Every structure is written in structure tokens, then in C-alpha cells.
Amino acid sequence: YSFDPANVWVSQQTLSINGKHKNINKKDLMAIASANGIKKGEDIIKNISKTVSQWKKYVKTAGVSDKLAQTIYKTLSSSFAS
């Protein structure tokens, strides 16, 4: 995990999604799904969002420290807010 909003090198997504590195949303993901013939894009997004919502369960299993787990959770929560 290397996200740090205060660091210019790791403050944004390095992979471009629909031509964007920041503020990637569901519409962008669905555009990529459509362009690549992915017919179940909506279902995939729902499944990923469901998994992300269970983040706290997974960190315990993986032994991630509480401080790092909370930091990552905040990032995930803002990324999958809609």
C-alpha cells in the first residue's frame, strides 16, 4: 500500500481509467466495461463494493496493523462511495 495524499508521487492512481487518474467513478468503469465487451460490469462493481465493505474482516485475517488498516479503509471508502 503506497497511497499518500500529501506525496506527489503516490497521491493518485497511476493506472488511467477512461483517460483519468483522479476522481474515477462508476461511469468511468462502466465506459471501460462497455468498450471491452464486459457485459456484467454492473455486477462486478457491486461484488467489489461488497468485498470492500467487509475490509475490516479481511484485515484481521491478514494481520494488518490497526493504524494501516484504518488508513487503507478511509481510502477504500472514499473510492467506493458511489
C-alpha atoms as a PDB file:
ATOM      1  CA  TYR A   1       0.000   0.000   0.000  1.00  0.00           C
ATOM      2  CA  SER A   2       1.637   3.206  -1.117  1.00  0.00           C
ATOM      3  CA  PHE A   3      -1.088   5.851  -1.213  1.00  0.00           C
ATOM      4  CA  ASP A   4      -0.280   9.151   0.477  1.00  0.00           C
ATOM      5  CA  PRO A   5      -2.390  12.200  -0.418  1.00  0.00           C
ATOM      6  CA  ALA A   6       0.463  14.529   0.614  1.00  0.00           C
ATOM      7  CA  ASN A   7       3.030  12.879  -1.675  1.00  0.00           C
ATOM      8  CA  VAL A   8       3.079  13.941  -5.340  1.00  0.00           C
ATOM      9  CA  TRP A   9       4.347  10.523  -6.467  1.00  0.00           C
ATOM     10  CA  VAL A  10       1.776   8.340  -4.715  1.00  0.00           C
ATOM     11  CA  SER A  11      -1.201  10.672  -4.300  1.00  0.00           C
ATOM     12  CA  GLN A  12      -3.190   9.386  -7.256  1.00  0.00           C
ATOM     13  CA  GLN A  13      -3.960   6.291  -9.247  1.00  0.00           C
ATOM     14  CA  THR A  14      -1.143   5.544 -11.714  1.00  0.00           C
ATOM     15  CA  LEU A  15      -3.363   3.467 -13.966  1.00  0.00           C
ATOM     16  CA  SER A  16      -5.510   5.557 -16.266  1.00  0.00           C
ATOM     17  CA  ILE A  17      -9.203   4.654 -16.228  1.00  0.00           C
ATOM     18  CA  ASN A  18     -11.222   6.159 -19.056  1.00  0.00           C
ATOM     19  CA  GLY A  19      -8.431   8.713 -19.517  1.00  0.00           C
ATOM     20  CA  LYS A  20      -8.465   9.757 -15.848  1.00  0.00           C
ATOM     21  CA  HIS A  21      -6.070   9.332 -12.933  1.00  0.00           C
ATOM     22  CA  LYS A  22      -8.234  11.102 -10.339  1.00  0.00           C
ATOM     23  CA  ASN A  23     -11.916  11.159  -9.457  1.00  0.00           C
ATOM     24  CA  ILE A  24     -12.572   7.851 -11.210  1.00  0.00           C
ATOM     25  CA  ASN A  25     -16.226   6.931 -10.776  1.00  0.00           C
ATOM     26  CA  LYS A  26     -18.691   4.226 -11.699  1.00  0.00           C
ATOM     27  CA  LYS A  27     -19.480   5.896 -15.021  1.00  0.00           C
ATOM     28  CA  ASP A  28     -15.786   5.653 -15.974  1.00  0.00           C
ATOM     29  CA  LEU A  29     -15.648   1.986 -15.024  1.00  0.00           C
ATOM     30  CA  MET A  30     -18.789   1.233 -16.988  1.00  0.00           C
ATOM     31  CA  ALA A  31     -17.335   3.008 -20.041  1.00  0.00           C
ATOM     32  CA  ILE A  32     -14.305   0.716 -19.871  1.00  0.00           C
ATOM     33  CA  ALA A  33     -16.568  -2.324 -19.438  1.00  0.00           C
ATOM     34  CA  SER A  34     -18.631  -1.312 -22.451  1.00  0.00           C
ATOM     35  CA  ALA A  35     -15.581  -0.615 -24.618  1.00  0.00           C
ATOM     36  CA  ASN A  36     -14.181  -4.051 -23.764  1.00  0.00           C
ATOM     37  CA  GLY A  37     -17.375  -6.075 -24.143  1.00  0.00           C
ATOM     38  CA  ILE A  38     -17.717  -6.785 -20.423  1.00  0.00           C
ATOM     39  CA  LYS A  39     -21.424  -7.471 -20.098  1.00  0.00           C
ATOM     40  CA  LYS A  40     -21.599  -7.853 -16.316  1.00  0.00           C
ATOM     41  CA  GLY A  41     -19.771  -4.650 -15.369  1.00  0.00           C
ATOM     42  CA  GLU A  42     -22.544  -3.581 -13.029  1.00  0.00           C
ATOM     43  CA  ASP A  43     -22.422  -6.932 -11.197  1.00  0.00           C
ATOM     44  CA  ILE A  44     -18.627  -6.833 -10.957  1.00  0.00           C
ATOM     45  CA  ILE A  45     -18.737  -3.354  -9.413  1.00  0.00           C
ATOM     46  CA  LYS A  46     -21.397  -4.475  -6.918  1.00  0.00           C
ATOM     47  CA  ASN A  47     -19.310  -7.519  -5.925  1.00  0.00           C
ATOM     48  CA  ILE A  48     -16.178  -5.443  -5.451  1.00  0.00           C
ATOM     49  CA  SER A  49     -18.092  -2.870  -3.395  1.00  0.00           C
ATOM     50  CA  LYS A  50     -19.480  -5.678  -1.232  1.00  0.00           C
ATOM     51  CA  THR A  51     -15.984  -7.070  -0.672  1.00  0.00           C
ATOM     52  CA  VAL A  52     -14.585  -3.626   0.169  1.00  0.00           C
ATOM     53  CA  SER A  53     -17.388  -3.140   2.700  1.00  0.00           C
ATOM     54  CA  GLN A  54     -16.010  -6.202   4.538  1.00  0.00           C
ATOM     55  CA  TRP A  55     -12.486  -4.758   4.687  1.00  0.00           C
ATOM     56  CA  LYS A  56     -12.307  -4.819   8.473  1.00  0.00           C
ATOM     57  CA  LYS A  57     -12.915  -8.577   8.474  1.00  0.00           C
ATOM     58  CA  TYR A  58     -10.105  -9.183   5.996  1.00  0.00           C
ATOM     59  CA  VAL A  59      -7.506  -7.081   7.806  1.00  0.00           C
ATOM     60  CA  LYS A  60      -7.883  -9.172  10.932  1.00  0.00           C
ATOM     61  CA  THR A  61      -7.303 -12.363   8.946  1.00  0.00           C
ATOM     62  CA  ALA A  62      -4.273 -10.837   7.196  1.00  0.00           C
ATOM     63  CA  GLY A  63      -2.809  -9.361  10.388  1.00  0.00           C
ATOM     64  CA  VAL A  64      -2.711  -5.772   9.121  1.00  0.00           C
ATOM     65  CA  SER A  65      -1.959  -3.243  11.871  1.00  0.00           C
ATOM     66  CA  ASP A  66      -4.906  -1.186  13.119  1.00  0.00           C
ATOM     67  CA  LYS A  67      -3.321   2.114  12.013  1.00  0.00           C
ATOM     68  CA  LEU A  68      -2.599   0.931   8.467  1.00  0.00           C
ATOM     69  CA  ALA A  69      -5.985  -0.807   8.224  1.00  0.00           C
ATOM     70  CA  GLN A  70      -7.784   2.429   9.123  1.00  0.00           C
ATOM     71  CA  THR A  71      -5.729   4.436   6.631  1.00  0.00           C
ATOM     72  CA  ILE A  72      -6.498   1.993   3.822  1.00  0.00           C
ATOM     73  CA  TYR A  73     -10.165   1.799   4.832  1.00  0.00           C
ATOM     74  CA  LYS A  74     -10.529   5.576   4.511  1.00  0.00           C
ATOM     75  CA  THR A  75      -9.084   5.431   1.001  1.00  0.00           C
ATOM     76  CA  LEU A  76     -11.277   2.495   0.020  1.00  0.00           C
ATOM     77  CA  SER A  77     -14.380   4.111   1.479  1.00  0.00           C
ATOM     78  CA  SER A  78     -13.891   7.288  -0.486  1.00  0.00           C
ATOM     79  CA  SER A  79     -13.087   5.342  -3.658  1.00  0.00           C
ATOM     80  CA  PHE A  80     -16.206   3.186  -3.463  1.00  0.00           C
ATOM     81  CA  ALA A  81     -18.604   5.751  -2.082  1.00  0.00           C
ATOM     82  CA  SER A  82     -20.750   5.621  -5.209  1.00  0.00           C
END
